[in-house]
Amino acid sequence: MICQHCKQNEATTHIRRVVNGAAEEFHLCAACAKEAGLPGQLAAPEFGIHLSDLFSGFLGSSLRGQGQSLPSPVRCELCGSSLNEIIQNSRVGCARCYETFAGQLQPTLQRIHGALRHTGKAPEADPAVAERKQRQARIEQLRALIGEAVQSEDYEQAAKLRYEIRMLEERGSDNA
């Protein structure tokens, strides 16, 4: 494949960007990639893009990809960070920022991490950890079943499931 910039050399650097399902690809030779500052600076103004937007600022690119415009600079009252700064740095300033910018951050965090609640990591070899994970998974499964039971108006089954959850939670608090 030929370099899209100089149209002479073989392309050795391939960049693919997917936004809302639409893929864009850029192919550069080693000389053009070096001239563009890859991999150090990650800038390619020749293509009308800034390659650092492809690799950093993940929160910002996902917000822009959702068609949201960045709001006026509301600042966190604790650390003074704005949403624009969080997006540029790909770092949240403090714990209060999660509350201040919840509406803008939660969809992106959900997509990136798969959940909004951090559960942490623990050694899998620890039997107590494995038991706690199994118990928590069972509780989540039972909660879903309660929802189905209530929806089908099977309140007796929902009560049984709620009792089973209570027993599992008590067993978990006894071990803690």
C-alpha atoms as a PDB file:
ATOM      1  CA  MET A   1       0.000   0.000   0.000  1.00  0.00           C
ATOM      2  CA  ILE A   2       1.300   3.469  -0.907  1.00  0.00           C
ATOM      3  CA  CYS A   3       1.651   6.313   1.619  1.00  0.00           C
ATOM      4  CA  GLN A   4      -1.374   8.612   1.517  1.00  0.00           C
ATOM      5  CA  HIS A   5       0.778  11.676   2.178  1.00  0.00           C
ATOM      6  CA  CYS A   6       3.763  11.488  -0.183  1.00  0.00           C
ATOM      7  CA  LYS A   7       2.172   8.954  -2.552  1.00  0.00           C
ATOM      8  CA  GLN A   8       5.627   7.486  -3.259  1.00  0.00           C
ATOM      9  CA  ASN A   9       6.796   5.102  -0.533  1.00  0.00           C
ATOM     10  CA  GLU A  10       5.327   1.948   0.907  1.00  0.00           C
ATOM     11  CA  ALA A  11       3.070   2.661   3.911  1.00  0.00           C
ATOM     12  CA  THR A  12       4.404   1.112   7.106  1.00  0.00           C
ATOM     13  CA  THR A  13       2.282   2.972   9.682  1.00  0.00           C
ATOM     14  CA  HIS A  14      -1.425   2.216   9.625  1.00  0.00           C
ATOM     15  CA  ILE A  15      -3.877   4.099  11.806  1.00  0.00           C
ATOM     16  CA  ARG A  16      -7.522   3.147  12.097  1.00  0.00           C
ATOM     17  CA  ARG A  17     -10.112   5.331  13.814  1.00  0.00           C
ATOM     18  CA  VAL A  18     -13.707   4.204  14.410  1.00  0.00           C
ATOM     19  CA  VAL A  19     -16.278   6.811  15.421  1.00  0.00           C
ATOM     20  CA  ASN A  20     -19.941   5.797  15.703  1.00  0.00           C
ATOM     21  CA  GLY A  21     -19.286   2.755  13.549  1.00  0.00           C
ATOM     22  CA  ALA A  22     -17.632   4.740  10.739  1.00  0.00           C
ATOM     23  CA  ALA A  23     -14.020   3.707  10.208  1.00  0.00           C
ATOM     24  CA  GLU A  24     -11.279   5.987   8.895  1.00  0.00           C
ATOM     25  CA  GLU A  25      -7.873   4.657   7.952  1.00  0.00           C
ATOM     26  CA  PHE A  26      -4.594   6.486   7.423  1.00  0.00           C
ATOM     27  CA  HIS A  27      -1.537   4.871   5.856  1.00  0.00           C
ATOM     28  CA  LEU A  28       1.869   6.555   6.112  1.00  0.00           C
ATOM     29  CA  CYS A  29       5.383   5.606   5.101  1.00  0.00           C
ATOM     30  CA  ALA A  30       8.128   5.669   7.746  1.00  0.00           C
ATOM     31  CA  ALA A  31       9.425   9.067   6.587  1.00  0.00           C
ATOM     32  CA  CYS A  32       6.001  10.750   6.658  1.00  0.00           C
ATOM     33  CA  ALA A  33       5.175   9.141  10.000  1.00  0.00           C
ATOM     34  CA  LYS A  34       8.465  10.455  11.411  1.00  0.00           C
ATOM     35  CA  GLU A  35       7.811  13.889   9.886  1.00  0.00           C
ATOM     36  CA  ALA A  36       4.343  13.840  11.461  1.00  0.00           C
ATOM     37  CA  GLY A  37       5.946  13.068  14.802  1.00  0.00           C
ATOM     38  CA  LEU A  38       4.866   9.462  15.194  1.00  0.00           C
ATOM     39  CA  PRO A  39       5.116   7.769  17.615  1.00  0.00           C
ATOM     40  CA  GLY A  40       6.475  10.537  19.873  1.00  0.00           C
ATOM     41  CA  GLN A  41       4.296  13.579  19.302  1.00  0.00           C
ATOM     42  CA  LEU A  42       1.438  11.776  17.517  1.00  0.00           C
ATOM     43  CA  ALA A  43       0.399  14.712  15.343  1.00  0.00           C
ATOM     44  CA  ALA A  44      -0.495  14.612  11.654  1.00  0.00           C
ATOM     45  CA  PRO A  45      -1.825  18.012  10.604  1.00  0.00           C
ATOM     46  CA  GLU A  46      -1.481  16.968   6.939  1.00  0.00           C
ATOM     47  CA  PHE A  47      -4.618  14.889   7.347  1.00  0.00           C
ATOM     48  CA  GLY A  48      -6.588  17.501   9.226  1.00  0.00           C
ATOM     49  CA  ILE A  49      -6.558  15.433  12.411  1.00  0.00           C
ATOM     50  CA  HIS A  50      -4.529  15.446  15.554  1.00  0.00           C
ATOM     51  CA  LEU A  51      -3.465  11.875  16.187  1.00  0.00           C
ATOM     52  CA  SER A  52      -3.278  12.403  19.935  1.00  0.00           C
ATOM     53  CA  ASP A  53      -7.080  12.618  19.720  1.00  0.00           C
ATOM     54  CA  LEU A  54      -7.016   9.034  18.505  1.00  0.00           C
ATOM     55  CA  PHE A  55      -5.032   7.655  21.410  1.00  0.00           C
ATOM     56  CA  SER A  56      -5.561   9.989  24.349  1.00  0.00           C
ATOM     57  CA  GLY A  57      -8.527  11.933  25.541  1.00  0.00           C
ATOM     58  CA  PHE A  58     -10.657   8.798  25.407  1.00  0.00           C
ATOM     59  CA  LEU A  59     -13.405  10.450  27.425  1.00  0.00           C
ATOM     60  CA  GLY A  60     -13.524  13.430  25.106  1.00  0.00           C
ATOM     61  CA  SER A  61     -13.597  11.439  21.910  1.00  0.00           C
ATOM     62  CA  SER A  62     -16.406   9.289  23.202  1.00  0.00           C
ATOM     63  CA  LEU A  63     -18.399  12.327  24.290  1.00  0.00           C
ATOM     64  CA  ARG A  64     -17.874  13.988  20.925  1.00  0.00           C
ATOM     65  CA  GLY A  65     -18.750  10.687  19.244  1.00  0.00           C
ATOM     66  CA  GLN A  66     -22.123  10.759  21.008  1.00  0.00           C
ATOM     67  CA  GLY A  67     -22.821  14.115  19.382  1.00  0.00           C
ATOM     68  CA  GLN A  68     -22.562  15.986  22.673  1.00  0.00           C
ATOM     69  CA  SER A  69     -21.003  19.406  22.688  1.00  0.00           C
ATOM     70  CA  LEU A  70     -18.694  20.228  25.533  1.00  0.00           C
ATOM     71  CA  PRO A  71     -20.463  22.394  28.091  1.00  0.00           C
ATOM     72  CA  SER A  72     -19.395  25.788  29.360  1.00  0.00           C
ATOM     73  CA  PRO A  73     -16.647  25.512  31.971  1.00  0.00           C
ATOM     74  CA  VAL A  74     -18.447  24.282  35.069  1.00  0.00           C
ATOM     75  CA  ARG A  75     -15.760  23.569  37.647  1.00  0.00           C
ATOM     76  CA  CYS A  76     -15.546  21.060  40.465  1.00  0.00           C
ATOM     77  CA  GLU A  77     -15.903  23.017  43.690  1.00  0.00           C
ATOM     78  CA  LEU A  78     -13.296  20.855  45.442  1.00  0.00           C
ATOM     79  CA  CYS A  79     -10.374  20.672  42.993  1.00  0.00           C
ATOM     80  CA  GLY A  80     -11.371  23.244  40.370  1.00  0.00           C
ATOM     81  CA  SER A  81     -11.215  20.863  37.385  1.00  0.00           C
ATOM     82  CA  SER A  82     -13.486  21.495  34.418  1.00  0.00           C
ATOM     83  CA  LEU A  83     -14.957  18.822  32.162  1.00  0.00           C
ATOM     84  CA  ASN A  84     -12.747  20.077  29.321  1.00  0.00           C
ATOM     85  CA  GLU A  85      -9.628  19.553  31.477  1.00  0.00           C
ATOM     86  CA  ILE A  86     -10.773  16.053  32.450  1.00  0.00           C
ATOM     87  CA  ILE A  87     -11.286  15.215  28.782  1.00  0.00           C
ATOM     88  CA  GLN A  88      -7.927  16.670  27.705  1.00  0.00           C
ATOM     89  CA  ASN A  89      -5.982  14.900  30.463  1.00  0.00           C
ATOM     90  CA  SER A  90      -8.080  11.713  30.480  1.00  0.00           C
ATOM     91  CA  ARG A  91      -7.927  12.006  34.282  1.00  0.00           C
ATOM     92  CA  VAL A  92     -10.558  12.951  36.800  1.00  0.00           C
ATOM     93  CA  GLY A  93      -9.322  15.604  39.254  1.00  0.00           C
ATOM     94  CA  CYS A  94     -10.844  14.212  42.465  1.00  0.00           C
ATOM     95  CA  ALA A  95     -13.669  12.076  43.812  1.00  0.00           C
ATOM     96  CA  ARG A  96     -16.046  15.058  43.800  1.00  0.00           C
ATOM     97  CA  CYS A  97     -15.578  15.384  40.004  1.00  0.00           C
ATOM     98  CA  TYR A  98     -17.494  12.116  39.581  1.00  0.00           C
ATOM     99  CA  GLU A  99     -20.473  13.768  41.274  1.00  0.00           C
ATOM    100  CA  THR A 100     -20.086  17.149  39.587  1.00  0.00           C
ATOM    101  CA  PHE A 101     -19.832  15.705  36.076  1.00  0.00           C
ATOM    102  CA  ALA A 102     -21.861  12.518  36.636  1.00  0.00           C
ATOM    103  CA  GLY A 103     -24.201  13.073  33.702  1.00  0.00           C
ATOM    104  CA  GLN A 104     -21.339  13.456  31.249  1.00  0.00           C
ATOM    105  CA  LEU A 105     -18.957  10.836  32.687  1.00  0.00           C
ATOM    106  CA  GLN A 106     -21.249   7.928  33.573  1.00  0.00           C
ATOM    107  CA  PRO A 107     -22.133   6.751  30.034  1.00  0.00           C
ATOM    108  CA  THR A 108     -18.480   6.773  29.030  1.00  0.00           C
ATOM    109  CA  LEU A 109     -17.303   5.025  32.200  1.00  0.00           C
ATOM    110  CA  GLN A 110     -20.028   2.402  31.764  1.00  0.00           C
ATOM    111  CA  ARG A 111     -18.870   1.721  28.211  1.00  0.00           C
ATOM    112  CA  ILE A 112     -15.157   1.674  29.050  1.00  0.00           C
ATOM    113  CA  HIS A 113     -15.277  -0.390  32.250  1.00  0.00           C
ATOM    114  CA  GLY A 114     -18.520  -2.311  31.806  1.00  0.00           C
ATOM    115  CA  ALA A 115     -19.834  -1.078  35.162  1.00  0.00           C
ATOM    116  CA  LEU A 116     -20.178   2.101  37.154  1.00  0.00           C
ATOM    117  CA  ARG A 117     -19.136   0.520  40.439  1.00  0.00           C
ATOM    118  CA  HIS A 118     -15.506  -0.409  40.995  1.00  0.00           C
ATOM    119  CA  THR A 119     -15.234  -3.884  42.466  1.00  0.00           C
ATOM    120  CA  GLY A 120     -11.458  -4.117  42.561  1.00  0.00           C
ATOM    121  CA  LYS A 121      -9.313  -7.156  42.096  1.00  0.00           C
ATOM    122  CA  ALA A 122      -8.322  -9.929  44.458  1.00  0.00           C
ATOM    123  CA  PRO A 123      -6.260 -13.081  44.120  1.00  0.00           C
ATOM    124  CA  GLU A 124      -8.349 -15.852  42.624  1.00  0.00           C
ATOM    125  CA  ALA A 125      -6.549 -18.468  44.740  1.00  0.00           C
ATOM    126  CA  ASP A 126      -8.141 -17.117  47.936  1.00  0.00           C
ATOM    127  CA  PRO A 127     -11.192 -19.334  48.663  1.00  0.00           C
ATOM    128  CA  ALA A 128     -12.892 -16.576  50.647  1.00  0.00           C
ATOM    129  CA  VAL A 129     -12.666 -14.253  47.648  1.00  0.00           C
ATOM    130  CA  ALA A 130     -14.031 -16.913  45.309  1.00  0.00           C
ATOM    131  CA  GLU A 131     -16.911 -17.616  47.708  1.00  0.00           C
ATOM    132  CA  ARG A 132     -17.705 -13.898  48.006  1.00  0.00           C
ATOM    133  CA  LYS A 133     -17.738 -13.531  44.221  1.00  0.00           C
ATOM    134  CA  GLN A 134     -20.047 -16.520  43.848  1.00  0.00           C
ATOM    135  CA  ARG A 135     -22.355 -15.182  46.552  1.00  0.00           C
ATOM    136  CA  GLN A 136     -22.463 -11.739  44.942  1.00  0.00           C
ATOM    137  CA  ALA A 137     -23.189 -13.243  41.523  1.00  0.00           C
ATOM    138  CA  ARG A 138     -26.017 -15.312  43.022  1.00  0.00           C
ATOM    139  CA  ILE A 139     -27.469 -12.204  44.718  1.00  0.00           C
ATOM    140  CA  GLU A 140     -27.446 -10.327  41.395  1.00  0.00           C
ATOM    141  CA  GLN A 141     -29.121 -13.293  39.713  1.00  0.00           C
ATOM    142  CA  LEU A 142     -31.779 -13.436  42.440  1.00  0.00           C
ATOM    143  CA  ARG A 143     -32.456  -9.695  42.113  1.00  0.00           C
ATOM    144  CA  ALA A 144     -33.103 -10.166  38.416  1.00  0.00           C
ATOM    145  CA  LEU A 145     -35.445 -13.051  39.202  1.00  0.00           C
ATOM    146  CA  ILE A 146     -37.294 -10.861  41.723  1.00  0.00           C
ATOM    147  CA  GLY A 147     -37.865  -8.323  38.975  1.00  0.00           C
ATOM    148  CA  GLU A 148     -39.288 -11.015  36.716  1.00  0.00           C
ATOM    149  CA  ALA A 149     -41.470 -12.381  39.521  1.00  0.00           C
ATOM    150  CA  VAL A 150     -42.885  -8.950  40.322  1.00  0.00           C
ATOM    151  CA  GLN A 151     -43.490  -8.269  36.646  1.00  0.00           C
ATOM    152  CA  SER A 152     -45.462 -11.524  36.357  1.00  0.00           C
ATOM    153  CA  GLU A 153     -47.198 -10.670  39.671  1.00  0.00           C
ATOM    154  CA  ASP A 154     -45.822 -13.777  41.427  1.00  0.00           C
ATOM    155  CA  TYR A 155     -45.342 -11.999  44.750  1.00  0.00           C
ATOM    156  CA  GLU A 156     -44.936 -15.203  46.747  1.00  0.00           C
ATOM    157  CA  GLN A 157     -41.952 -16.213  44.615  1.00  0.00           C
ATOM    158  CA  ALA A 158     -40.550 -12.671  44.926  1.00  0.00           C
ATOM    159  CA  ALA A 159     -40.777 -12.902  48.715  1.00  0.00           C
ATOM    160  CA  LYS A 160     -38.935 -16.251  48.711  1.00  0.00           C
ATOM    161  CA  LEU A 161     -36.216 -14.804  46.521  1.00  0.00           C
ATOM    162  CA  ARG A 162     -35.917 -11.732  48.760  1.00  0.00           C
ATOM    163  CA  TYR A 163     -35.541 -14.034  51.789  1.00  0.00           C
ATOM    164  CA  GLU A 164     -32.808 -16.004  50.002  1.00  0.00           C
ATOM    165  CA  ILE A 165     -30.971 -12.737  49.224  1.00  0.00           C
ATOM    166  CA  ARG A 166     -31.229 -11.680  52.863  1.00  0.00           C
ATOM    167  CA  MET A 167     -29.737 -15.016  53.981  1.00  0.00           C
ATOM    168  CA  LEU A 168     -26.859 -14.707  51.503  1.00  0.00           C
ATOM    169  CA  GLU A 169     -26.144 -11.124  52.595  1.00  0.00           C
ATOM    170  CA  GLU A 170     -26.177 -12.095  56.258  1.00  0.00           C
ATOM    171  CA  ARG A 171     -23.820 -14.998  55.574  1.00  0.00           C
ATOM    172  CA  GLY A 172     -21.524 -12.554  53.787  1.00  0.00           C
ATOM    173  CA  SER A 173     -21.539 -10.048  56.645  1.00  0.00           C
ATOM    174  CA  ASP A 174     -20.753 -12.816  59.147  1.00  0.00           C
ATOM    175  CA  ASN A 175     -17.583 -13.691  57.212  1.00  0.00           C
ATOM    176  CA  ALA A 176     -16.418 -10.100  56.809  1.00  0.00           C
END
